[in-house]
Amino acid sequence: MLTQCVHKEEAANGIRAMGLSPGTVATQMQKEIKSSGINPVSQLDWDAHIPPDWPARALLWMCSPEADAWCGQEISLRDESIRKKAGLI
């Protein structure tokens, strides 16, 4: 709701508000979580994590006019259609 509010209140001032939900990212931290067995995330297969460059590439796309339709919304990298639009597939 905060993202939607910022978009509605500040779009006229040139402020673009979107949320990014990348999911779990294949990083060293995820390797340590996996080896610890500490929580449900540790049980995920390694290929369930997204590549570490995807969040950065998604943010670049989000700053482009191509992402205008998603202003005020949450962008999930679990959504294959979003990944295609952001050039991640």
PDB file of N, CA and C in Angstrom:
ATOM      1  N   MET A   1       0.822  -1.188   0.000  1.00  0.00           N
ATOM      2  CA  MET A   1       0.000   0.000   0.000  1.00  0.00           C
ATOM      3  C   MET A   1       0.869   1.256   0.000  1.00  0.00           C
ATOM      4  N   LEU A   2       2.011   1.193   0.676  1.00  0.00           N
ATOM      5  CA  LEU A   2       2.891   2.361   0.706  1.00  0.00           C
ATOM      6  C   LEU A   2       3.357   2.720  -0.702  1.00  0.00           C
ATOM      7  N   THR A   3       3.697   1.703  -1.481  1.00  0.00           N
ATOM      8  CA  THR A   3       4.134   1.937  -2.860  1.00  0.00           C
ATOM      9  C   THR A   3       3.027   2.600  -3.665  1.00  0.00           C
ATOM     10  N   GLN A   4       1.803   2.114  -3.518  1.00  0.00           N
ATOM     11  CA  GLN A   4       0.673   2.708  -4.242  1.00  0.00           C
ATOM     12  C   GLN A   4       0.441   4.151  -3.808  1.00  0.00           C
ATOM     13  N   CYS A   5       0.531   4.399  -2.493  1.00  0.00           N
ATOM     14  CA  CYS A   5       0.317   5.756  -1.979  1.00  0.00           C
ATOM     15  C   CYS A   5       1.368   6.722  -2.497  1.00  0.00           C
ATOM     16  N   VAL A   6       2.632   6.309  -2.457  1.00  0.00           N
ATOM     17  CA  VAL A   6       3.703   7.178  -2.960  1.00  0.00           C
ATOM     18  C   VAL A   6       3.481   7.475  -4.431  1.00  0.00           C
ATOM     19  N   HIS A   7       3.118   6.459  -5.197  1.00  0.00           N
ATOM     20  CA  HIS A   7       2.862   6.662  -6.623  1.00  0.00           C
ATOM     21  C   HIS A   7       1.726   7.659  -6.837  1.00  0.00           C
ATOM     22  N   LYS A   8       0.621   7.460  -6.148  1.00  0.00           N
ATOM     23  CA  LYS A   8      -0.537   8.342  -6.342  1.00  0.00           C
ATOM     24  C   LYS A   8      -0.266   9.767  -5.876  1.00  0.00           C
ATOM     25  N   GLU A   9       0.491   9.908  -4.793  1.00  0.00           N
ATOM     26  CA  GLU A   9       0.746  11.236  -4.241  1.00  0.00           C
ATOM     27  C   GLU A   9       1.865  11.977  -4.962  1.00  0.00           C
ATOM     28  N   GLU A  10       2.826  11.255  -5.524  1.00  0.00           N
ATOM     29  CA  GLU A  10       4.017  11.918  -6.060  1.00  0.00           C
ATOM     30  C   GLU A  10       4.254  11.760  -7.555  1.00  0.00           C
ATOM     31  N   ALA A  11       3.429  11.004  -8.247  1.00  0.00           N
ATOM     32  CA  ALA A  11       3.631  10.822  -9.696  1.00  0.00           C
ATOM     33  C   ALA A  11       3.645  12.162 -10.429  1.00  0.00           C
ATOM     34  N   ALA A  12       2.795  13.091 -10.025  1.00  0.00           N
ATOM     35  CA  ALA A  12       2.738  14.407 -10.669  1.00  0.00           C
ATOM     36  C   ALA A  12       4.029  15.195 -10.469  1.00  0.00           C
ATOM     37  N   ASN A  13       4.817  14.800  -9.465  1.00  0.00           N
ATOM     38  CA  ASN A  13       6.106  15.452  -9.200  1.00  0.00           C
ATOM     39  C   ASN A  13       7.278  14.698  -9.825  1.00  0.00           C
ATOM     40  N   GLY A  14       6.962  13.715 -10.660  1.00  0.00           N
ATOM     41  CA  GLY A  14       8.021  12.965 -11.342  1.00  0.00           C
ATOM     42  C   GLY A  14       8.604  11.824 -10.535  1.00  0.00           C
ATOM     43  N   ILE A  15       7.977  11.486  -9.413  1.00  0.00           N
ATOM     44  CA  ILE A  15       8.462  10.383  -8.580  1.00  0.00           C
ATOM     45  C   ILE A  15       7.823   9.083  -9.057  1.00  0.00           C
ATOM     46  N   ARG A  16       8.665   8.105  -9.373  1.00  0.00           N
ATOM     47  CA  ARG A  16       8.189   6.773  -9.773  1.00  0.00           C
ATOM     48  C   ARG A  16       8.386   5.849  -8.577  1.00  0.00           C
ATOM     49  N   ALA A  17       7.321   5.207  -8.156  1.00  0.00           N
ATOM     50  CA  ALA A  17       7.398   4.294  -7.017  1.00  0.00           C
ATOM     51  C   ALA A  17       6.977   2.898  -7.457  1.00  0.00           C
ATOM     52  N   MET A  18       7.868   1.941  -7.209  1.00  0.00           N
ATOM     53  CA  MET A  18       7.599   0.528  -7.472  1.00  0.00           C
ATOM     54  C   MET A  18       8.306  -0.264  -6.385  1.00  0.00           C
ATOM     55  N   GLY A  19       7.786  -1.434  -6.108  1.00  0.00           N
ATOM     56  CA  GLY A  19       8.448  -2.326  -5.172  1.00  0.00           C
ATOM     57  C   GLY A  19       9.088  -3.469  -5.935  1.00  0.00           C
ATOM     58  N   LEU A  20      10.198  -3.989  -5.424  1.00  0.00           N
ATOM     59  CA  LEU A  20      10.855  -5.132  -6.047  1.00  0.00           C
ATOM     60  C   LEU A  20      10.918  -6.272  -5.046  1.00  0.00           C
ATOM     61  N   SER A  21      10.354  -7.387  -5.439  1.00  0.00           N
ATOM     62  CA  SER A  21      10.391  -8.598  -4.634  1.00  0.00           C
ATOM     63  C   SER A  21      11.186  -9.644  -5.423  1.00  0.00           C
ATOM     64  N   PRO A  22      12.488  -9.756  -5.143  1.00  0.00           N
ATOM     65  CA  PRO A  22      13.304 -10.664  -5.945  1.00  0.00           C
ATOM     66  C   PRO A  22      13.155 -12.132  -5.575  1.00  0.00           C
ATOM     67  N   GLY A  23      12.685 -12.428  -4.389  1.00  0.00           N
ATOM     68  CA  GLY A  23      12.705 -13.813  -3.935  1.00  0.00           C
ATOM     69  C   GLY A  23      14.075 -14.112  -3.354  1.00  0.00           C
ATOM     70  N   THR A  24      14.436 -15.371  -3.266  1.00  0.00           N
ATOM     71  CA  THR A  24      15.757 -15.707  -2.732  1.00  0.00           C
ATOM     72  C   THR A  24      16.783 -15.647  -3.855  1.00  0.00           C
ATOM     73  N   VAL A  25      17.941 -15.101  -3.526  1.00  0.00           N
ATOM     74  CA  VAL A  25      18.990 -14.863  -4.517  1.00  0.00           C
ATOM     75  C   VAL A  25      20.174 -15.784  -4.223  1.00  0.00           C
ATOM     76  N   ALA A  26      20.741 -16.342  -5.270  1.00  0.00           N
ATOM     77  CA  ALA A  26      21.862 -17.284  -5.145  1.00  0.00           C
ATOM     78  C   ALA A  26      23.136 -16.543  -4.741  1.00  0.00           C
ATOM     79  N   THR A  27      23.316 -16.393  -3.433  1.00  0.00           N
ATOM     80  CA  THR A  27      24.483 -15.699  -2.899  1.00  0.00           C
ATOM     81  C   THR A  27      25.203 -16.605  -1.892  1.00  0.00           C
ATOM     82  N   GLN A  28      26.340 -16.142  -1.422  1.00  0.00           N
ATOM     83  CA  GLN A  28      27.076 -16.881  -0.400  1.00  0.00           C
ATOM     84  C   GLN A  28      26.212 -17.065   0.853  1.00  0.00           C
ATOM     85  N   MET A  29      25.408 -16.057   1.177  1.00  0.00           N
ATOM     86  CA  MET A  29      24.539 -16.166   2.342  1.00  0.00           C
ATOM     87  C   MET A  29      23.581 -17.356   2.191  1.00  0.00           C
ATOM     88  N   GLN A  30      23.051 -17.559   0.990  1.00  0.00           N
ATOM     89  CA  GLN A  30      22.147 -18.691   0.777  1.00  0.00           C
ATOM     90  C   GLN A  30      22.887 -20.017   0.914  1.00  0.00           C
ATOM     91  N   LYS A  31      24.159 -20.047   0.508  1.00  0.00           N
ATOM     92  CA  LYS A  31      24.953 -21.270   0.689  1.00  0.00           C
ATOM     93  C   LYS A  31      25.113 -21.577   2.170  1.00  0.00           C
ATOM     94  N   GLU A  32      25.348 -20.533   2.968  1.00  0.00           N
ATOM     95  CA  GLU A  32      25.516 -20.725   4.411  1.00  0.00           C
ATOM     96  C   GLU A  32      24.200 -21.151   5.062  1.00  0.00           C
ATOM     97  N   ILE A  33      23.091 -20.564   4.629  1.00  0.00           N
ATOM     98  CA  ILE A  33      21.782 -20.962   5.154  1.00  0.00           C
ATOM     99  C   ILE A  33      21.513 -22.423   4.809  1.00  0.00           C
ATOM    100  N   LYS A  34      21.820 -22.803   3.563  1.00  0.00           N
ATOM    101  CA  LYS A  34      21.583 -24.190   3.120  1.00  0.00           C
ATOM    102  C   LYS A  34      22.378 -25.168   3.976  1.00  0.00           C
ATOM    103  N   SER A  35      23.640 -24.851   4.232  1.00  0.00           N
ATOM    104  CA  SER A  35      24.468 -25.782   5.010  1.00  0.00           C
ATOM    105  C   SER A  35      24.067 -25.820   6.482  1.00  0.00           C
ATOM    106  N   SER A  36      23.407 -24.764   6.956  1.00  0.00           N
ATOM    107  CA  SER A  36      23.002 -24.728   8.366  1.00  0.00           C
ATOM    108  C   SER A  36      21.763 -25.565   8.643  1.00  0.00           C
ATOM    109  N   GLY A  37      20.884 -25.702   7.635  1.00  0.00           N
ATOM    110  CA  GLY A  37      19.625 -26.401   7.851  1.00  0.00           C
ATOM    111  C   GLY A  37      18.713 -25.661   8.819  1.00  0.00           C
ATOM    112  N   ILE A  38      18.948 -24.372   8.987  1.00  0.00           N
ATOM    113  CA  ILE A  38      18.299 -23.585  10.033  1.00  0.00           C
ATOM    114  C   ILE A  38      16.808 -23.283   9.813  1.00  0.00           C
ATOM    115  N   ASN A  39      16.373 -23.223   8.566  1.00  0.00           N
ATOM    116  CA  ASN A  39      14.981 -22.834   8.311  1.00  0.00           C
ATOM    117  C   ASN A  39      14.495 -23.444   6.990  1.00  0.00           C
ATOM    118  N   PRO A  40      13.251 -23.208   6.630  1.00  0.00           N
ATOM    119  CA  PRO A  40      12.725 -23.790   5.389  1.00  0.00           C
ATOM    120  C   PRO A  40      13.496 -23.365   4.137  1.00  0.00           C
ATOM    121  N   VAL A  41      14.059 -22.171   4.140  1.00  0.00           N
ATOM    122  CA  VAL A  41      14.838 -21.719   2.979  1.00  0.00           C
ATOM    123  C   VAL A  41      16.043 -22.636   2.772  1.00  0.00           C
ATOM    124  N   SER A  42      16.571 -23.165   3.844  1.00  0.00           N
ATOM    125  CA  SER A  42      17.741 -24.063   3.725  1.00  0.00           C
ATOM    126  C   SER A  42      17.400 -25.358   3.005  1.00  0.00           C
ATOM    127  N   GLN A  43      16.126 -25.667   2.881  1.00  0.00           N
ATOM    128  CA  GLN A  43      15.699 -26.894   2.219  1.00  0.00           C
ATOM    129  C   GLN A  43      15.491 -26.714   0.713  1.00  0.00           C
ATOM    130  N   LEU A  44      15.553 -25.468   0.240  1.00  0.00           N
ATOM    131  CA  LEU A  44      15.342 -25.209  -1.189  1.00  0.00           C
ATOM    132  C   LEU A  44      16.488 -25.759  -2.025  1.00  0.00           C
ATOM    133  N   ASP A  45      16.156 -26.262  -3.204  1.00  0.00           N
ATOM    134  CA  ASP A  45      17.196 -26.641  -4.153  1.00  0.00           C
ATOM    135  C   ASP A  45      17.907 -25.376  -4.614  1.00  0.00           C
ATOM    136  N   TRP A  46      19.185 -25.499  -4.947  1.00  0.00           N
ATOM    137  CA  TRP A  46      19.964 -24.329  -5.338  1.00  0.00           C
ATOM    138  C   TRP A  46      19.362 -23.621  -6.556  1.00  0.00           C
ATOM    139  N   ASP A  47      18.793 -24.387  -7.475  1.00  0.00           N
ATOM    140  CA  ASP A  47      18.229 -23.767  -8.674  1.00  0.00           C
ATOM    141  C   ASP A  47      16.920 -23.020  -8.407  1.00  0.00           C
ATOM    142  N   ALA A  48      16.404 -23.088  -7.176  1.00  0.00           N
ATOM    143  CA  ALA A  48      15.209 -22.307  -6.814  1.00  0.00           C
ATOM    144  C   ALA A  48      15.553 -20.836  -6.588  1.00  0.00           C
ATOM    145  N   HIS A  49      16.834 -20.544  -6.339  1.00  0.00           N
ATOM    146  CA  HIS A  49      17.279 -19.164  -6.110  1.00  0.00           C
ATOM    147  C   HIS A  49      17.524 -18.486  -7.458  1.00  0.00           C
ATOM    148  N   ILE A  50      17.236 -17.200  -7.520  1.00  0.00           N
ATOM    149  CA  ILE A  50      17.469 -16.480  -8.769  1.00  0.00           C
ATOM    150  C   ILE A  50      18.934 -16.075  -8.863  1.00  0.00           C
ATOM    151  N   PRO A  51      19.447 -15.890 -10.081  1.00  0.00           N
ATOM    152  CA  PRO A  51      20.834 -15.461 -10.253  1.00  0.00           C
ATOM    153  C   PRO A  51      21.074 -14.094  -9.600  1.00  0.00           C
ATOM    154  N   PRO A  52      22.256 -13.879  -9.061  1.00  0.00           N
ATOM    155  CA  PRO A  52      22.527 -12.647  -8.320  1.00  0.00           C
ATOM    156  C   PRO A  52      22.474 -11.359  -9.151  1.00  0.00           C
ATOM    157  N   ASP A  53      22.601 -11.457 -10.467  1.00  0.00           N
ATOM    158  CA  ASP A  53      22.545 -10.237 -11.272  1.00  0.00           C
ATOM    159  C   ASP A  53      21.119  -9.805 -11.607  1.00  0.00           C
ATOM    160  N   TRP A  54      20.145 -10.678 -11.409  1.00  0.00           N
ATOM    161  CA  TRP A  54      18.764 -10.351 -11.782  1.00  0.00           C
ATOM    162  C   TRP A  54      18.188  -9.152 -11.040  1.00  0.00           C
ATOM    163  N   PRO A  55      18.355  -9.021  -9.714  1.00  0.00           N
ATOM    164  CA  PRO A  55      17.787  -7.841  -9.057  1.00  0.00           C
ATOM    165  C   PRO A  55      18.342  -6.529  -9.623  1.00  0.00           C
ATOM    166  N   ALA A  56      19.634  -6.474  -9.881  1.00  0.00           N
ATOM    167  CA  ALA A  56      20.232  -5.253 -10.432  1.00  0.00           C
ATOM    168  C   ALA A  56      19.699  -4.975 -11.833  1.00  0.00           C
ATOM    169  N   ARG A  57      19.614  -6.002 -12.648  1.00  0.00           N
ATOM    170  CA  ARG A  57      19.093  -5.816 -14.005  1.00  0.00           C
ATOM    171  C   ARG A  57      17.617  -5.427 -13.975  1.00  0.00           C
ATOM    172  N   ALA A  58      16.867  -5.989 -13.027  1.00  0.00           N
ATOM    173  CA  ALA A  58      15.451  -5.622 -12.891  1.00  0.00           C
ATOM    174  C   ALA A  58      15.317  -4.161 -12.480  1.00  0.00           C
ATOM    175  N   LEU A  59      16.179  -3.703 -11.585  1.00  0.00           N
ATOM    176  CA  LEU A  59      16.134  -2.295 -11.167  1.00  0.00           C
ATOM    177  C   LEU A  59      16.426  -1.355 -12.333  1.00  0.00           C
ATOM    178  N   LEU A  60      17.365  -1.722 -13.178  1.00  0.00           N
ATOM    179  CA  LEU A  60      17.630  -0.898 -14.370  1.00  0.00           C
ATOM    180  C   LEU A  60      16.400  -0.823 -15.263  1.00  0.00           C
ATOM    181  N   TRP A  61      15.742  -1.964 -15.462  1.00  0.00           N
ATOM    182  CA  TRP A  61      14.510  -1.983 -16.260  1.00  0.00           C
ATOM    183  C   TRP A  61      13.429  -1.131 -15.601  1.00  0.00           C
ATOM    184  N   MET A  62      13.316  -1.228 -14.268  1.00  0.00           N
ATOM    185  CA  MET A  62      12.299  -0.475 -13.549  1.00  0.00           C
ATOM    186  C   MET A  62      12.488   1.040 -13.696  1.00  0.00           C
ATOM    187  N   CYS A  63      13.702   1.468 -13.943  1.00  0.00           N
ATOM    188  CA  CYS A  63      13.978   2.902 -14.134  1.00  0.00           C
ATOM    189  C   CYS A  63      13.680   3.372 -15.553  1.00  0.00           C
ATOM    190  N   SER A  64      13.349   2.449 -16.427  1.00  0.00           N
ATOM    191  CA  SER A  64      13.094   2.791 -17.827  1.00  0.00           C
ATOM    192  C   SER A  64      11.611   3.036 -18.068  1.00  0.00           C
ATOM    193  N   PRO A  65      11.296   3.737 -19.154  1.00  0.00           N
ATOM    194  CA  PRO A  65       9.885   3.953 -19.500  1.00  0.00           C
ATOM    195  C   PRO A  65       9.128   2.651 -19.782  1.00  0.00           C
ATOM    196  N   GLU A  66       9.854   1.581 -20.115  1.00  0.00           N
ATOM    197  CA  GLU A  66       9.211   0.293 -20.378  1.00  0.00           C
ATOM    198  C   GLU A  66       8.472  -0.245 -19.150  1.00  0.00           C
ATOM    199  N   ALA A  67       8.837   0.220 -17.969  1.00  0.00           N
ATOM    200  CA  ALA A  67       8.214  -0.259 -16.733  1.00  0.00           C
ATOM    201  C   ALA A  67       7.134   0.690 -16.218  1.00  0.00           C
ATOM    202  N   ASP A  68       6.808   1.706 -16.972  1.00  0.00           N
ATOM    203  CA  ASP A  68       5.813   2.686 -16.510  1.00  0.00           C
ATOM    204  C   ASP A  68       4.497   2.051 -16.076  1.00  0.00           C
ATOM    205  N   ALA A  69       4.081   1.000 -16.740  1.00  0.00           N
ATOM    206  CA  ALA A  69       2.798   0.360 -16.419  1.00  0.00           C
ATOM    207  C   ALA A  69       2.799  -0.260 -15.023  1.00  0.00           C
ATOM    208  N   TRP A  70       3.960  -0.448 -14.419  1.00  0.00           N
ATOM    209  CA  TRP A  70       4.059  -1.064 -13.101  1.00  0.00           C
ATOM    210  C   TRP A  70       4.246  -0.043 -11.988  1.00  0.00           C
ATOM    211  N   CYS A  71       4.184   1.243 -12.297  1.00  0.00           N
ATOM    212  CA  CYS A  71       4.301   2.249 -11.238  1.00  0.00           C
ATOM    213  C   CYS A  71       3.195   2.021 -10.215  1.00  0.00           C
ATOM    214  N   GLY A  72       3.566   2.086  -8.955  1.00  0.00           N
ATOM    215  CA  GLY A  72       2.612   1.873  -7.873  1.00  0.00           C
ATOM    216  C   GLY A  72       2.384   0.415  -7.531  1.00  0.00           C
ATOM    217  N   GLN A  73       3.122  -0.490  -8.167  1.00  0.00           N
ATOM    218  CA  GLN A  73       2.907  -1.930  -7.955  1.00  0.00           C
ATOM    219  C   GLN A  73       4.168  -2.615  -7.431  1.00  0.00           C
ATOM    220  N   GLU A  74       3.969  -3.821  -6.962  1.00  0.00           N
ATOM    221  CA  GLU A  74       5.063  -4.693  -6.543  1.00  0.00           C
ATOM    222  C   GLU A  74       5.479  -5.542  -7.736  1.00  0.00           C
ATOM    223  N   ILE A  75       6.758  -5.604  -8.004  1.00  0.00           N
ATOM    224  CA  ILE A  75       7.284  -6.383  -9.114  1.00  0.00           C
ATOM    225  C   ILE A  75       7.974  -7.614  -8.530  1.00  0.00           C
ATOM    226  N   SER A  76       7.469  -8.784  -8.885  1.00  0.00           N
ATOM    227  CA  SER A  76       8.014 -10.036  -8.376  1.00  0.00           C
ATOM    228  C   SER A  76       8.829 -10.721  -9.468  1.00  0.00           C
ATOM    229  N   LEU A  77      10.064 -11.034  -9.155  1.00  0.00           N
ATOM    230  CA  LEU A  77      10.901 -11.742 -10.129  1.00  0.00           C
ATOM    231  C   LEU A  77      10.550 -13.222 -10.204  1.00  0.00           C
ATOM    232  N   ARG A  78       9.586 -13.660  -9.435  1.00  0.00           N
ATOM    233  CA  ARG A  78       9.057 -15.017  -9.565  1.00  0.00           C
ATOM    234  C   ARG A  78       8.083 -15.098 -10.740  1.00  0.00           C
ATOM    235  N   ASP A  79       7.605 -13.953 -11.187  1.00  0.00           N
ATOM    236  CA  ASP A  79       6.640 -13.872 -12.290  1.00  0.00           C
ATOM    237  C   ASP A  79       7.395 -13.936 -13.622  1.00  0.00           C
ATOM    238  N   GLU A  80       7.170 -15.009 -14.368  1.00  0.00           N
ATOM    239  CA  GLU A  80       7.902 -15.211 -15.625  1.00  0.00           C
ATOM    240  C   GLU A  80       7.655 -14.088 -16.630  1.00  0.00           C
ATOM    241  N   SER A  81       6.436 -13.549 -16.681  1.00  0.00           N
ATOM    242  CA  SER A  81       6.153 -12.461 -17.619  1.00  0.00           C
ATOM    243  C   SER A  81       6.970 -11.215 -17.268  1.00  0.00           C
ATOM    244  N   ILE A  82       7.164 -10.953 -15.985  1.00  0.00           N
ATOM    245  CA  ILE A  82       8.002  -9.818 -15.569  1.00  0.00           C
ATOM    246  C   ILE A  82       9.446 -10.078 -15.966  1.00  0.00           C
ATOM    247  N   ARG A  83       9.921 -11.308 -15.730  1.00  0.00           N
ATOM    248  CA  ARG A  83      11.295 -11.639 -16.091  1.00  0.00           C
ATOM    249  C   ARG A  83      11.532 -11.433 -17.592  1.00  0.00           C
ATOM    250  N   LYS A  84      10.552 -11.809 -18.408  1.00  0.00           N
ATOM    251  CA  LYS A  84      10.691 -11.605 -19.859  1.00  0.00           C
ATOM    252  C   LYS A  84      10.757 -10.122 -20.199  1.00  0.00           C
ATOM    253  N   LYS A  85       9.861  -9.334 -19.620  1.00  0.00           N
ATOM    254  CA  LYS A  85       9.827  -7.902 -19.904  1.00  0.00           C
ATOM    255  C   LYS A  85      11.117  -7.213 -19.467  1.00  0.00           C
ATOM    256  N   ALA A  86      11.706  -7.688 -18.371  1.00  0.00           N
ATOM    257  CA  ALA A  86      12.943  -7.096 -17.849  1.00  0.00           C
ATOM    258  C   ALA A  86      14.179  -7.653 -18.542  1.00  0.00           C
ATOM    259  N   GLY A  87      13.995  -8.582 -19.488  1.00  0.00           N
ATOM    260  CA  GLY A  87      15.123  -9.151 -20.219  1.00  0.00           C
ATOM    261  C   GLY A  87      15.948 -10.133 -19.408  1.00  0.00           C
ATOM    262  N   LEU A  88      15.322 -10.809 -18.462  1.00  0.00           N
ATOM    263  CA  LEU A  88      16.029 -11.742 -17.597  1.00  0.00           C
ATOM    264  C   LEU A  88      15.954 -13.179 -18.073  1.00  0.00           C
ATOM    265  N   ILE A  89      15.219 -13.422 -19.154  1.00  0.00           N
ATOM    266  CA  ILE A  89      15.110 -14.792 -19.676  1.00  0.00           C
ATOM    267  C   ILE A  89      15.677 -14.798 -21.092  1.00  0.00           C
TER     268      ILE A  89
END
